[in-house]
Amino acid sequence: MSYVIRETAAAVVAAASDFIIGGCAPTPAAQIEGSYSSALKSQKEHDRAIGSTPVMVELLNSWTIDTRIGWLISNFETDERYVHASNVVRRAMMAAPIGFPLEIERRWQNRASKTW
């Protein structure tokens, strides 16, 4: 059962990450031709955009763990790509009411520490 809980938690976090990334502003293209200085300038704008934390992530990280996990699970259950798996989420919550949220939180913190 622990494998199912780990994989389900990973899917919940992946669903939230996909949702957040889908709503981010597009990153500006880096110039690859032209003068050296203009290419470097365009690369700085690109790096700044990809290195910034999305507003949604900052908001989620400011919430309490319970609220954040509730949002992550709700997002997972209401995303049409994952609707078929909402039953698995409910079962994981019943099988491991403490372990499942802790695994979600562990995976969220790991994901949030990476560059968005």
PDB file of N, CA and C in Angstrom:
ATOM      1  N   MET A   1       0.816  -1.201   0.000  1.00  0.00           N
ATOM      2  CA  MET A   1       0.000   0.000   0.000  1.00  0.00           C
ATOM      3  C   MET A   1       0.860   1.265   0.000  1.00  0.00           C
ATOM      4  N   SER A   2       2.048   1.193   0.606  1.00  0.00           N
ATOM      5  CA  SER A   2       2.885   2.395   0.660  1.00  0.00           C
ATOM      6  C   SER A   2       3.295   2.832  -0.744  1.00  0.00           C
ATOM      7  N   TYR A   3       3.479   1.870  -1.653  1.00  0.00           N
ATOM      8  CA  TYR A   3       3.818   2.227  -3.037  1.00  0.00           C
ATOM      9  C   TYR A   3       2.670   3.017  -3.670  1.00  0.00           C
ATOM     10  N   VAL A   4       1.448   2.566  -3.447  1.00  0.00           N
ATOM     11  CA  VAL A   4       0.272   3.247  -3.996  1.00  0.00           C
ATOM     12  C   VAL A   4       0.172   4.659  -3.429  1.00  0.00           C
ATOM     13  N   ILE A   5       0.411   4.809  -2.145  1.00  0.00           N
ATOM     14  CA  ILE A   5       0.344   6.124  -1.510  1.00  0.00           C
ATOM     15  C   ILE A   5       1.406   7.053  -2.083  1.00  0.00           C
ATOM     16  N   ARG A   6       2.642   6.546  -2.237  1.00  0.00           N
ATOM     17  CA  ARG A   6       3.717   7.380  -2.804  1.00  0.00           C
ATOM     18  C   ARG A   6       3.397   7.805  -4.229  1.00  0.00           C
ATOM     19  N   GLU A   7       2.949   6.865  -5.035  1.00  0.00           N
ATOM     20  CA  GLU A   7       2.659   7.179  -6.440  1.00  0.00           C
ATOM     21  C   GLU A   7       1.447   8.105  -6.571  1.00  0.00           C
ATOM     22  N   THR A   8       0.440   7.915  -5.726  1.00  0.00           N
ATOM     23  CA  THR A   8      -0.736   8.782  -5.764  1.00  0.00           C
ATOM     24  C   THR A   8      -0.357  10.201  -5.334  1.00  0.00           C
ATOM     25  N   ALA A   9       0.451  10.309  -4.293  1.00  0.00           N
ATOM     26  CA  ALA A   9       0.922  11.627  -3.849  1.00  0.00           C
ATOM     27  C   ALA A   9       1.724  12.304  -4.954  1.00  0.00           C
ATOM     28  N   ALA A  10       2.556  11.539  -5.653  1.00  0.00           N
ATOM     29  CA  ALA A  10       3.336  12.106  -6.758  1.00  0.00           C
ATOM     30  C   ALA A  10       2.408  12.613  -7.855  1.00  0.00           C
ATOM     31  N   ALA A  11       1.326  11.871  -8.128  1.00  0.00           N
ATOM     32  CA  ALA A  11       0.377  12.299  -9.155  1.00  0.00           C
ATOM     33  C   ALA A  11      -0.375  13.555  -8.736  1.00  0.00           C
ATOM     34  N   VAL A  12      -0.724  13.665  -7.466  1.00  0.00           N
ATOM     35  CA  VAL A  12      -1.412  14.856  -6.964  1.00  0.00           C
ATOM     36  C   VAL A  12      -0.523  16.088  -7.151  1.00  0.00           C
ATOM     37  N   VAL A  13       0.740  15.971  -6.778  1.00  0.00           N
ATOM     38  CA  VAL A  13       1.669  17.091  -6.916  1.00  0.00           C
ATOM     39  C   VAL A  13       1.926  17.402  -8.385  1.00  0.00           C
ATOM     40  N   ALA A  14       2.021  16.367  -9.217  1.00  0.00           N
ATOM     41  CA  ALA A  14       2.226  16.596 -10.656  1.00  0.00           C
ATOM     42  C   ALA A  14       1.034  17.326 -11.264  1.00  0.00           C
ATOM     43  N   ALA A  15      -0.185  16.958 -10.837  1.00  0.00           N
ATOM     44  CA  ALA A  15      -1.382  17.633 -11.349  1.00  0.00           C
ATOM     45  C   ALA A  15      -1.362  19.110 -10.977  1.00  0.00           C
ATOM     46  N   ALA A  16      -1.006  19.404  -9.732  1.00  0.00           N
ATOM     47  CA  ALA A  16      -0.937  20.802  -9.295  1.00  0.00           C
ATOM     48  C   ALA A  16       0.154  21.555 -10.044  1.00  0.00           C
ATOM     49  N   SER A  17       1.294  20.913 -10.242  1.00  0.00           N
ATOM     50  CA  SER A  17       2.390  21.557 -10.969  1.00  0.00           C
ATOM     51  C   SER A  17       1.991  21.856 -12.407  1.00  0.00           C
ATOM     52  N   ASP A  18       1.321  20.900 -13.047  1.00  0.00           N
ATOM     53  CA  ASP A  18       0.845  21.114 -14.422  1.00  0.00           C
ATOM     54  C   ASP A  18      -0.127  22.286 -14.483  1.00  0.00           C
ATOM     55  N   PHE A  19      -1.024  22.347 -13.494  1.00  0.00           N
ATOM     56  CA  PHE A  19      -1.998  23.435 -13.429  1.00  0.00           C
ATOM     57  C   PHE A  19      -1.295  24.783 -13.281  1.00  0.00           C
ATOM     58  N   ILE A  20      -0.321  24.844 -12.395  1.00  0.00           N
ATOM     59  CA  ILE A  20       0.400  26.088 -12.141  1.00  0.00           C
ATOM     60  C   ILE A  20       1.220  26.493 -13.363  1.00  0.00           C
ATOM     61  N   ILE A  21       1.948  25.554 -13.930  1.00  0.00           N
ATOM     62  CA  ILE A  21       2.785  25.854 -15.094  1.00  0.00           C
ATOM     63  C   ILE A  21       1.933  26.292 -16.270  1.00  0.00           C
ATOM     64  N   GLY A  22       0.748  25.693 -16.414  1.00  0.00           N
ATOM     65  CA  GLY A  22      -0.150  26.072 -17.504  1.00  0.00           C
ATOM     66  C   GLY A  22      -0.629  27.504 -17.407  1.00  0.00           C
ATOM     67  N   GLY A  23      -0.658  28.061 -16.202  1.00  0.00           N
ATOM     68  CA  GLY A  23      -1.128  29.427 -16.015  1.00  0.00           C
ATOM     69  C   GLY A  23      -0.027  30.464 -15.937  1.00  0.00           C
ATOM     70  N   CYS A  24       1.229  30.033 -16.049  1.00  0.00           N
ATOM     71  CA  CYS A  24       2.348  30.972 -15.981  1.00  0.00           C
ATOM     72  C   CYS A  24       2.476  31.745 -17.281  1.00  0.00           C
ATOM     73  N   ALA A  25       2.975  32.948 -17.167  1.00  0.00           N
ATOM     74  CA  ALA A  25       3.242  33.752 -18.370  1.00  0.00           C
ATOM     75  C   ALA A  25       4.332  33.072 -19.186  1.00  0.00           C
ATOM     76  N   PRO A  26       4.228  33.143 -20.509  1.00  0.00           N
ATOM     77  CA  PRO A  26       5.255  32.497 -21.333  1.00  0.00           C
ATOM     78  C   PRO A  26       6.621  33.148 -21.124  1.00  0.00           C
ATOM     79  N   THR A  27       7.656  32.344 -21.175  1.00  0.00           N
ATOM     80  CA  THR A  27       9.001  32.888 -21.009  1.00  0.00           C
ATOM     81  C   THR A  27       9.459  33.520 -22.312  1.00  0.00           C
ATOM     82  N   PRO A  28      10.138  34.649 -22.221  1.00  0.00           N
ATOM     83  CA  PRO A  28      10.607  35.308 -23.444  1.00  0.00           C
ATOM     84  C   PRO A  28      11.695  34.468 -24.119  1.00  0.00           C
ATOM     85  N   ALA A  29      11.723  34.522 -25.415  1.00  0.00           N
ATOM     86  CA  ALA A  29      12.734  33.788 -26.162  1.00  0.00           C
ATOM     87  C   ALA A  29      14.095  34.450 -25.986  1.00  0.00           C
ATOM     88  N   ALA A  30      15.127  33.649 -25.985  1.00  0.00           N
ATOM     89  CA  ALA A  30      16.493  34.182 -25.933  1.00  0.00           C
ATOM     90  C   ALA A  30      16.983  34.357 -27.365  1.00  0.00           C
ATOM     91  N   GLN A  31      17.571  35.500 -27.616  1.00  0.00           N
ATOM     92  CA  GLN A  31      18.088  35.803 -28.952  1.00  0.00           C
ATOM     93  C   GLN A  31      19.347  34.975 -29.201  1.00  0.00           C
ATOM     94  N   ILE A  32      19.418  34.310 -30.349  1.00  0.00           N
ATOM     95  CA  ILE A  32      20.594  33.488 -30.654  1.00  0.00           C
ATOM     96  C   ILE A  32      21.414  34.053 -31.810  1.00  0.00           C
ATOM     97  N   GLU A  33      20.893  35.066 -32.461  1.00  0.00           N
ATOM     98  CA  GLU A  33      21.638  35.707 -33.551  1.00  0.00           C
ATOM     99  C   GLU A  33      21.713  37.203 -33.287  1.00  0.00           C
ATOM    100  N   GLY A  34      22.717  37.826 -33.837  1.00  0.00           N
ATOM    101  CA  GLY A  34      22.879  39.261 -33.657  1.00  0.00           C
ATOM    102  C   GLY A  34      24.133  39.562 -32.867  1.00  0.00           C
ATOM    103  N   SER A  35      24.188  40.780 -32.367  1.00  0.00           N
ATOM    104  CA  SER A  35      25.387  41.183 -31.622  1.00  0.00           C
ATOM    105  C   SER A  35      25.468  40.444 -30.289  1.00  0.00           C
ATOM    106  N   TYR A  36      26.681  40.325 -29.798  1.00  0.00           N
ATOM    107  CA  TYR A  36      26.948  39.614 -28.554  1.00  0.00           C
ATOM    108  C   TYR A  36      26.204  40.247 -27.372  1.00  0.00           C
ATOM    109  N   SER A  37      26.226  41.560 -27.294  1.00  0.00           N
ATOM    110  CA  SER A  37      25.602  42.258 -26.162  1.00  0.00           C
ATOM    111  C   SER A  37      24.085  42.099 -26.177  1.00  0.00           C
ATOM    112  N   SER A  38      23.455  42.181 -27.355  1.00  0.00           N
ATOM    113  CA  SER A  38      21.998  42.034 -27.396  1.00  0.00           C
ATOM    114  C   SER A  38      21.582  40.603 -27.097  1.00  0.00           C
ATOM    115  N   ALA A  39      22.412  39.628 -27.510  1.00  0.00           N
ATOM    116  CA  ALA A  39      22.105  38.226 -27.195  1.00  0.00           C
ATOM    117  C   ALA A  39      22.198  37.986 -25.693  1.00  0.00           C
ATOM    118  N   LEU A  40      23.218  38.552 -25.048  1.00  0.00           N
ATOM    119  CA  LEU A  40      23.352  38.404 -23.596  1.00  0.00           C
ATOM    120  C   LEU A  40      22.202  39.087 -22.865  1.00  0.00           C
ATOM    121  N   LYS A  41      21.777  40.253 -23.354  1.00  0.00           N
ATOM    122  CA  LYS A  41      20.667  40.970 -22.726  1.00  0.00           C
ATOM    123  C   LYS A  41      19.386  40.149 -22.801  1.00  0.00           C
ATOM    124  N   SER A  42      19.109  39.539 -23.961  1.00  0.00           N
ATOM    125  CA  SER A  42      17.892  38.729 -24.088  1.00  0.00           C
ATOM    126  C   SER A  42      17.969  37.482 -23.211  1.00  0.00           C
ATOM    127  N   GLN A  43      19.187  36.933 -23.020  1.00  0.00           N
ATOM    128  CA  GLN A  43      19.347  35.760 -22.160  1.00  0.00           C
ATOM    129  C   GLN A  43      19.049  36.108 -20.706  1.00  0.00           C
ATOM    130  N   LYS A  44      19.432  37.325 -20.268  1.00  0.00           N
ATOM    131  CA  LYS A  44      19.158  37.745 -18.889  1.00  0.00           C
ATOM    132  C   LYS A  44      17.651  37.831 -18.633  1.00  0.00           C
ATOM    133  N   GLU A  45      16.898  38.354 -19.586  1.00  0.00           N
ATOM    134  CA  GLU A  45      15.440  38.441 -19.443  1.00  0.00           C
ATOM    135  C   GLU A  45      14.823  37.053 -19.371  1.00  0.00           C
ATOM    136  N   HIS A  46      15.335  36.144 -20.210  1.00  0.00           N
ATOM    137  CA  HIS A  46      14.851  34.761 -20.208  1.00  0.00           C
ATOM    138  C   HIS A  46      15.158  34.090 -18.864  1.00  0.00           C
ATOM    139  N   ASP A  47      16.392  34.232 -18.387  1.00  0.00           N
ATOM    140  CA  ASP A  47      16.795  33.622 -17.119  1.00  0.00           C
ATOM    141  C   ASP A  47      15.987  34.172 -15.949  1.00  0.00           C
ATOM    142  N   ARG A  48      15.701  35.487 -15.960  1.00  0.00           N
ATOM    143  CA  ARG A  48      14.913  36.098 -14.898  1.00  0.00           C
ATOM    144  C   ARG A  48      13.504  35.508 -14.879  1.00  0.00           C
ATOM    145  N   ALA A  49      12.926  35.313 -16.054  1.00  0.00           N
ATOM    146  CA  ALA A  49      11.563  34.783 -16.145  1.00  0.00           C
ATOM    147  C   ALA A  49      11.487  33.335 -15.666  1.00  0.00           C
ATOM    148  N   ILE A  50      12.427  32.498 -16.089  1.00  0.00           N
ATOM    149  CA  ILE A  50      12.352  31.082 -15.696  1.00  0.00           C
ATOM    150  C   ILE A  50      12.807  30.863 -14.262  1.00  0.00           C
ATOM    151  N   GLY A  51      13.551  31.809 -13.703  1.00  0.00           N
ATOM    152  CA  GLY A  51      14.016  31.674 -12.328  1.00  0.00           C
ATOM    153  C   GLY A  51      13.055  32.213 -11.295  1.00  0.00           C
ATOM    154  N   SER A  52      11.988  32.885 -11.745  1.00  0.00           N
ATOM    155  CA  SER A  52      11.043  33.461 -10.790  1.00  0.00           C
ATOM    156  C   SER A  52      10.023  32.417 -10.337  1.00  0.00           C
ATOM    157  N   THR A  53       9.564  32.566  -9.122  1.00  0.00           N
ATOM    158  CA  THR A  53       8.547  31.663  -8.578  1.00  0.00           C
ATOM    159  C   THR A  53       7.171  32.164  -8.977  1.00  0.00           C
ATOM    160  N   PRO A  54       6.336  31.289  -9.557  1.00  0.00           N
ATOM    161  CA  PRO A  54       4.985  31.733  -9.935  1.00  0.00           C
ATOM    162  C   PRO A  54       4.206  32.245  -8.727  1.00  0.00           C
ATOM    163  N   VAL A  55       3.339  33.209  -8.959  1.00  0.00           N
ATOM    164  CA  VAL A  55       2.526  33.802  -7.895  1.00  0.00           C
ATOM    165  C   VAL A  55       1.709  32.723  -7.186  1.00  0.00           C
ATOM    166  N   MET A  56       1.183  31.767  -7.954  1.00  0.00           N
ATOM    167  CA  MET A  56       0.375  30.696  -7.355  1.00  0.00           C
ATOM    168  C   MET A  56       1.203  29.860  -6.373  1.00  0.00           C
ATOM    169  N   VAL A  57       2.457  29.614  -6.694  1.00  0.00           N
ATOM    170  CA  VAL A  57       3.323  28.836  -5.801  1.00  0.00           C
ATOM    171  C   VAL A  57       3.592  29.620  -4.522  1.00  0.00           C
ATOM    172  N   GLU A  58       3.869  30.915  -4.657  1.00  0.00           N
ATOM    173  CA  GLU A  58       4.086  31.739  -3.467  1.00  0.00           C
ATOM    174  C   GLU A  58       2.852  31.739  -2.573  1.00  0.00           C
ATOM    175  N   LEU A  59       1.665  31.815  -3.202  1.00  0.00           N
ATOM    176  CA  LEU A  59       0.426  31.785  -2.435  1.00  0.00           C
ATOM    177  C   LEU A  59       0.264  30.452  -1.720  1.00  0.00           C
ATOM    178  N   LEU A  60       0.448  29.351  -2.444  1.00  0.00           N
ATOM    179  CA  LEU A  60       0.306  28.024  -1.838  1.00  0.00           C
ATOM    180  C   LEU A  60       1.287  27.827  -0.691  1.00  0.00           C
ATOM    181  N   ASN A  61       2.517  28.269  -0.868  1.00  0.00           N
ATOM    182  CA  ASN A  61       3.508  28.106   0.186  1.00  0.00           C
ATOM    183  C   ASN A  61       3.217  28.966   1.415  1.00  0.00           C
ATOM    184  N   SER A  62       2.404  30.002   1.247  1.00  0.00           N
ATOM    185  CA  SER A  62       2.049  30.837   2.400  1.00  0.00           C
ATOM    186  C   SER A  62       0.893  30.240   3.206  1.00  0.00           C
ATOM    187  N   TRP A  63       0.171  29.279   2.616  1.00  0.00           N
ATOM    188  CA  TRP A  63      -0.955  28.646   3.314  1.00  0.00           C
ATOM    189  C   TRP A  63      -0.459  27.629   4.339  1.00  0.00           C
ATOM    190  N   THR A  64      -1.349  27.263   5.264  1.00  0.00           N
ATOM    191  CA  THR A  64      -1.026  26.193   6.206  1.00  0.00           C
ATOM    192  C   THR A  64      -0.945  24.879   5.435  1.00  0.00           C
ATOM    193  N   ILE A  65      -0.294  23.907   6.029  1.00  0.00           N
ATOM    194  CA  ILE A  65      -0.142  22.600   5.366  1.00  0.00           C
ATOM    195  C   ILE A  65      -1.502  21.996   5.042  1.00  0.00           C
ATOM    196  N   ASP A  66      -2.446  22.048   5.987  1.00  0.00           N
ATOM    197  CA  ASP A  66      -3.774  21.462   5.761  1.00  0.00           C
ATOM    198  C   ASP A  66      -4.486  22.117   4.585  1.00  0.00           C
ATOM    199  N   THR A  67      -4.440  23.434   4.528  1.00  0.00           N
ATOM    200  CA  THR A  67      -5.096  24.166   3.448  1.00  0.00           C
ATOM    201  C   THR A  67      -4.446  23.851   2.117  1.00  0.00           C
ATOM    202  N   ARG A  68      -3.117  23.832   2.096  1.00  0.00           N
ATOM    203  CA  ARG A  68      -2.385  23.548   0.858  1.00  0.00           C
ATOM    204  C   ARG A  68      -2.700  22.150   0.346  1.00  0.00           C
ATOM    205  N   ILE A  69      -2.681  21.153   1.239  1.00  0.00           N
ATOM    206  CA  ILE A  69      -2.959  19.783   0.822  1.00  0.00           C
ATOM    207  C   ILE A  69      -4.401  19.657   0.344  1.00  0.00           C
ATOM    208  N   GLY A  70      -5.314  20.339   1.015  1.00  0.00           N
ATOM    209  CA  GLY A  70      -6.706  20.340   0.559  1.00  0.00           C
ATOM    210  C   GLY A  70      -6.837  20.872  -0.851  1.00  0.00           C
ATOM    211  N   TRP A  71      -6.118  21.965  -1.142  1.00  0.00           N
ATOM    212  CA  TRP A  71      -6.158  22.532  -2.496  1.00  0.00           C
ATOM    213  C   TRP A  71      -5.547  21.575  -3.504  1.00  0.00           C
ATOM    214  N   LEU A  72      -4.413  20.955  -3.147  1.00  0.00           N
ATOM    215  CA  LEU A  72      -3.755  20.030  -4.068  1.00  0.00           C
ATOM    216  C   LEU A  72      -4.666  18.860  -4.411  1.00  0.00           C
ATOM    217  N   ILE A  73      -5.306  18.289  -3.391  1.00  0.00           N
ATOM    218  CA  ILE A  73      -6.200  17.146  -3.636  1.00  0.00           C
ATOM    219  C   ILE A  73      -7.422  17.588  -4.423  1.00  0.00           C
ATOM    220  N   SER A  74      -7.986  18.739  -4.095  1.00  0.00           N
ATOM    221  CA  SER A  74      -9.143  19.238  -4.829  1.00  0.00           C
ATOM    222  C   SER A  74      -8.802  19.466  -6.295  1.00  0.00           C
ATOM    223  N   ASN A  75      -7.632  20.054  -6.535  1.00  0.00           N
ATOM    224  CA  ASN A  75      -7.189  20.276  -7.909  1.00  0.00           C
ATOM    225  C   ASN A  75      -7.041  18.951  -8.652  1.00  0.00           C
ATOM    226  N   PHE A  76      -6.492  17.960  -7.971  1.00  0.00           N
ATOM    227  CA  PHE A  76      -6.302  16.646  -8.571  1.00  0.00           C
ATOM    228  C   PHE A  76      -7.650  16.014  -8.929  1.00  0.00           C
ATOM    229  N   GLU A  77      -8.615  16.123  -8.021  1.00  0.00           N
ATOM    230  CA  GLU A  77      -9.915  15.481  -8.239  1.00  0.00           C
ATOM    231  C   GLU A  77     -10.768  16.202  -9.275  1.00  0.00           C
ATOM    232  N   THR A  78     -10.565  17.500  -9.461  1.00  0.00           N
ATOM    233  CA  THR A  78     -11.411  18.250 -10.389  1.00  0.00           C
ATOM    234  C   THR A  78     -10.777  18.454 -11.766  1.00  0.00           C
ATOM    235  N   ASP A  79      -9.497  18.114 -11.919  1.00  0.00           N
ATOM    236  CA  ASP A  79      -8.834  18.233 -13.221  1.00  0.00           C
ATOM    237  C   ASP A  79      -9.307  17.086 -14.103  1.00  0.00           C
ATOM    238  N   GLU A  80      -9.875  17.423 -15.268  1.00  0.00           N
ATOM    239  CA  GLU A  80     -10.454  16.386 -16.131  1.00  0.00           C
ATOM    240  C   GLU A  80      -9.434  15.335 -16.561  1.00  0.00           C
ATOM    241  N   ARG A  81      -8.158  15.670 -16.537  1.00  0.00           N
ATOM    242  CA  ARG A  81      -7.136  14.678 -16.889  1.00  0.00           C
ATOM    243  C   ARG A  81      -7.020  13.592 -15.830  1.00  0.00           C
ATOM    244  N   TYR A  82      -7.454  13.899 -14.601  1.00  0.00           N
ATOM    245  CA  TYR A  82      -7.271  12.961 -13.492  1.00  0.00           C
ATOM    246  C   TYR A  82      -8.596  12.533 -12.844  1.00  0.00           C
ATOM    247  N   VAL A  83      -9.715  12.864 -13.473  1.00  0.00           N
ATOM    248  CA  VAL A  83     -11.019  12.556 -12.868  1.00  0.00           C
ATOM    249  C   VAL A  83     -11.152  11.066 -12.550  1.00  0.00           C
ATOM    250  N   HIS A  84     -10.661  10.222 -13.449  1.00  0.00           N
ATOM    251  CA  HIS A  84     -10.785   8.783 -13.256  1.00  0.00           C
ATOM    252  C   HIS A  84     -10.037   8.293 -12.014  1.00  0.00           C
ATOM    253  N   ALA A  85      -9.104   9.080 -11.493  1.00  0.00           N
ATOM    254  CA  ALA A  85      -8.283   8.654 -10.363  1.00  0.00           C
ATOM    255  C   ALA A  85      -8.752   9.208  -9.024  1.00  0.00           C
ATOM    256  N   SER A  86      -9.849   9.966  -9.012  1.00  0.00           N
ATOM    257  CA  SER A  86     -10.288  10.551  -7.733  1.00  0.00           C
ATOM    258  C   SER A  86     -10.640   9.470  -6.716  1.00  0.00           C
ATOM    259  N   ASN A  87     -11.125   8.322  -7.188  1.00  0.00           N
ATOM    260  CA  ASN A  87     -11.434   7.211  -6.294  1.00  0.00           C
ATOM    261  C   ASN A  87     -10.158   6.701  -5.620  1.00  0.00           C
ATOM    262  N   VAL A  88      -9.046   6.676  -6.347  1.00  0.00           N
ATOM    263  CA  VAL A  88      -7.770   6.243  -5.776  1.00  0.00           C
ATOM    264  C   VAL A  88      -7.338   7.205  -4.671  1.00  0.00           C
ATOM    265  N   VAL A  89      -7.550   8.505  -4.892  1.00  0.00           N
ATOM    266  CA  VAL A  89      -7.190   9.504  -3.882  1.00  0.00           C
ATOM    267  C   VAL A  89      -8.011   9.296  -2.617  1.00  0.00           C
ATOM    268  N   ARG A  90      -9.315   9.074  -2.779  1.00  0.00           N
ATOM    269  CA  ARG A  90     -10.165   8.838  -1.602  1.00  0.00           C
ATOM    270  C   ARG A  90      -9.715   7.595  -0.838  1.00  0.00           C
ATOM    271  N   ARG A  91      -9.389   6.540  -1.561  1.00  0.00           N
ATOM    272  CA  ARG A  91      -8.930   5.306  -0.902  1.00  0.00           C
ATOM    273  C   ARG A  91      -7.604   5.525  -0.182  1.00  0.00           C
ATOM    274  N   ALA A  92      -6.704   6.275  -0.811  1.00  0.00           N
ATOM    275  CA  ALA A  92      -5.419   6.552  -0.164  1.00  0.00           C
ATOM    276  C   ALA A  92      -5.626   7.362   1.113  1.00  0.00           C
ATOM    277  N   MET A  93      -6.558   8.305   1.084  1.00  0.00           N
ATOM    278  CA  MET A  93      -6.853   9.097   2.283  1.00  0.00           C
ATOM    279  C   MET A  93      -7.403   8.220   3.401  1.00  0.00           C
ATOM    280  N   MET A  94      -8.259   7.245   3.039  1.00  0.00           N
ATOM    281  CA  MET A  94      -8.829   6.358   4.063  1.00  0.00           C
ATOM    282  C   MET A  94      -7.788   5.368   4.577  1.00  0.00           C
ATOM    283  N   ALA A  95      -6.921   4.881   3.689  1.00  0.00           N
ATOM    284  CA  ALA A  95      -5.935   3.874   4.090  1.00  0.00           C
ATOM    285  C   ALA A  95      -4.818   4.474   4.942  1.00  0.00           C
ATOM    286  N   ALA A  96      -4.450   5.706   4.648  1.00  0.00           N
ATOM    287  CA  ALA A  96      -3.344   6.330   5.375  1.00  0.00           C
ATOM    288  C   ALA A  96      -3.677   7.789   5.649  1.00  0.00           C
ATOM    289  N   PRO A  97      -4.615   8.060   6.580  1.00  0.00           N
ATOM    290  CA  PRO A  97      -5.054   9.443   6.815  1.00  0.00           C
ATOM    291  C   PRO A  97      -3.941  10.385   7.267  1.00  0.00           C
ATOM    292  N   ILE A  98      -2.866   9.856   7.824  1.00  0.00           N
ATOM    293  CA  ILE A  98      -1.742  10.712   8.213  1.00  0.00           C
ATOM    294  C   ILE A  98      -0.618  10.603   7.186  1.00  0.00           C
ATOM    295  N   GLY A  99      -0.296   9.396   6.783  1.00  0.00           N
ATOM    296  CA  GLY A  99       0.822   9.170   5.866  1.00  0.00           C
ATOM    297  C   GLY A  99       0.640   9.795   4.499  1.00  0.00           C
ATOM    298  N   PHE A 100      -0.593   9.765   3.976  1.00  0.00           N
ATOM    299  CA  PHE A 100      -0.829  10.297   2.630  1.00  0.00           C
ATOM    300  C   PHE A 100      -0.604  11.810   2.567  1.00  0.00           C
ATOM    301  N   PRO A 101      -1.206  12.608   3.459  1.00  0.00           N
ATOM    302  CA  PRO A 101      -0.914  14.052   3.431  1.00  0.00           C
ATOM    303  C   PRO A 101       0.561  14.375   3.674  1.00  0.00           C
ATOM    304  N   LEU A 102       1.217  13.604   4.539  1.00  0.00           N
ATOM    305  CA  LEU A 102       2.641  13.838   4.776  1.00  0.00           C
ATOM    306  C   LEU A 102       3.465  13.567   3.521  1.00  0.00           C
ATOM    307  N   GLU A 103       3.090  12.536   2.778  1.00  0.00           N
ATOM    308  CA  GLU A 103       3.792  12.224   1.533  1.00  0.00           C
ATOM    309  C   GLU A 103       3.537  13.307   0.483  1.00  0.00           C
ATOM    310  N   ILE A 104       2.309  13.802   0.423  1.00  0.00           N
ATOM    311  CA  ILE A 104       2.007  14.906  -0.493  1.00  0.00           C
ATOM    312  C   ILE A 104       2.848  16.120  -0.130  1.00  0.00           C
ATOM    313  N   GLU A 105       2.899  16.444   1.153  1.00  0.00           N
ATOM    314  CA  GLU A 105       3.664  17.620   1.597  1.00  0.00           C
ATOM    315  C   GLU A 105       5.144  17.443   1.290  1.00  0.00           C
ATOM    316  N   ARG A 106       5.679  16.246   1.523  1.00  0.00           N
ATOM    317  CA  ARG A 106       7.092  15.993   1.237  1.00  0.00           C
ATOM    318  C   ARG A 106       7.376  16.199  -0.245  1.00  0.00           C
ATOM    319  N   ARG A 107       6.507  15.677  -1.094  1.00  0.00           N
ATOM    320  CA  ARG A 107       6.713  15.816  -2.538  1.00  0.00           C
ATOM    321  C   ARG A 107       6.499  17.259  -2.996  1.00  0.00           C
ATOM    322  N   TRP A 108       5.552  17.969  -2.359  1.00  0.00           N
ATOM    323  CA  TRP A 108       5.336  19.371  -2.724  1.00  0.00           C
ATOM    324  C   TRP A 108       6.568  20.209  -2.378  1.00  0.00           C
ATOM    325  N   GLN A 109       7.103  20.011  -1.183  1.00  0.00           N
ATOM    326  CA  GLN A 109       8.292  20.770  -0.773  1.00  0.00           C
ATOM    327  C   GLN A 109       9.469  20.475  -1.701  1.00  0.00           C
ATOM    328  N   ASN A 110       9.604  19.216  -2.105  1.00  0.00           N
ATOM    329  CA  ASN A 110      10.662  18.850  -3.038  1.00  0.00           C
ATOM    330  C   ASN A 110      10.456  19.552  -4.379  1.00  0.00           C
ATOM    331  N   ARG A 111       9.202  19.596  -4.849  1.00  0.00           N
ATOM    332  CA  ARG A 111       8.891  20.234  -6.131  1.00  0.00           C
ATOM    333  C   ARG A 111       9.061  21.751  -6.020  1.00  0.00           C
ATOM    334  N   ALA A 112       8.629  22.316  -4.909  1.00  0.00           N
ATOM    335  CA  ALA A 112       8.695  23.771  -4.741  1.00  0.00           C
ATOM    336  C   ALA A 112      10.143  24.256  -4.613  1.00  0.00           C
ATOM    337  N   SER A 113      11.047  23.376  -4.202  1.00  0.00           N
ATOM    338  CA  SER A 113      12.442  23.790  -4.068  1.00  0.00           C
ATOM    339  C   SER A 113      13.166  23.817  -5.414  1.00  0.00           C
ATOM    340  N   LYS A 114      12.566  23.217  -6.427  1.00  0.00           N
ATOM    341  CA  LYS A 114      13.160  23.219  -7.768  1.00  0.00           C
ATOM    342  C   LYS A 114      12.777  24.490  -8.505  1.00  0.00           C
ATOM    343  N   THR A 115      13.472  24.786  -9.560  1.00  0.00           N
ATOM    344  CA  THR A 115      13.152  25.960 -10.369  1.00  0.00           C
ATOM    345  C   THR A 115      11.855  25.710 -11.129  1.00  0.00           C
ATOM    346  N   TRP A 116      10.918  26.639 -10.999  1.00  0.00           N
ATOM    347  CA  TRP A 116       9.665  26.510 -11.740  1.00  0.00           C
ATOM    348  C   TRP A 116       9.917  26.972 -13.145  1.00  0.00           C
TER     349      TRP A 116
END
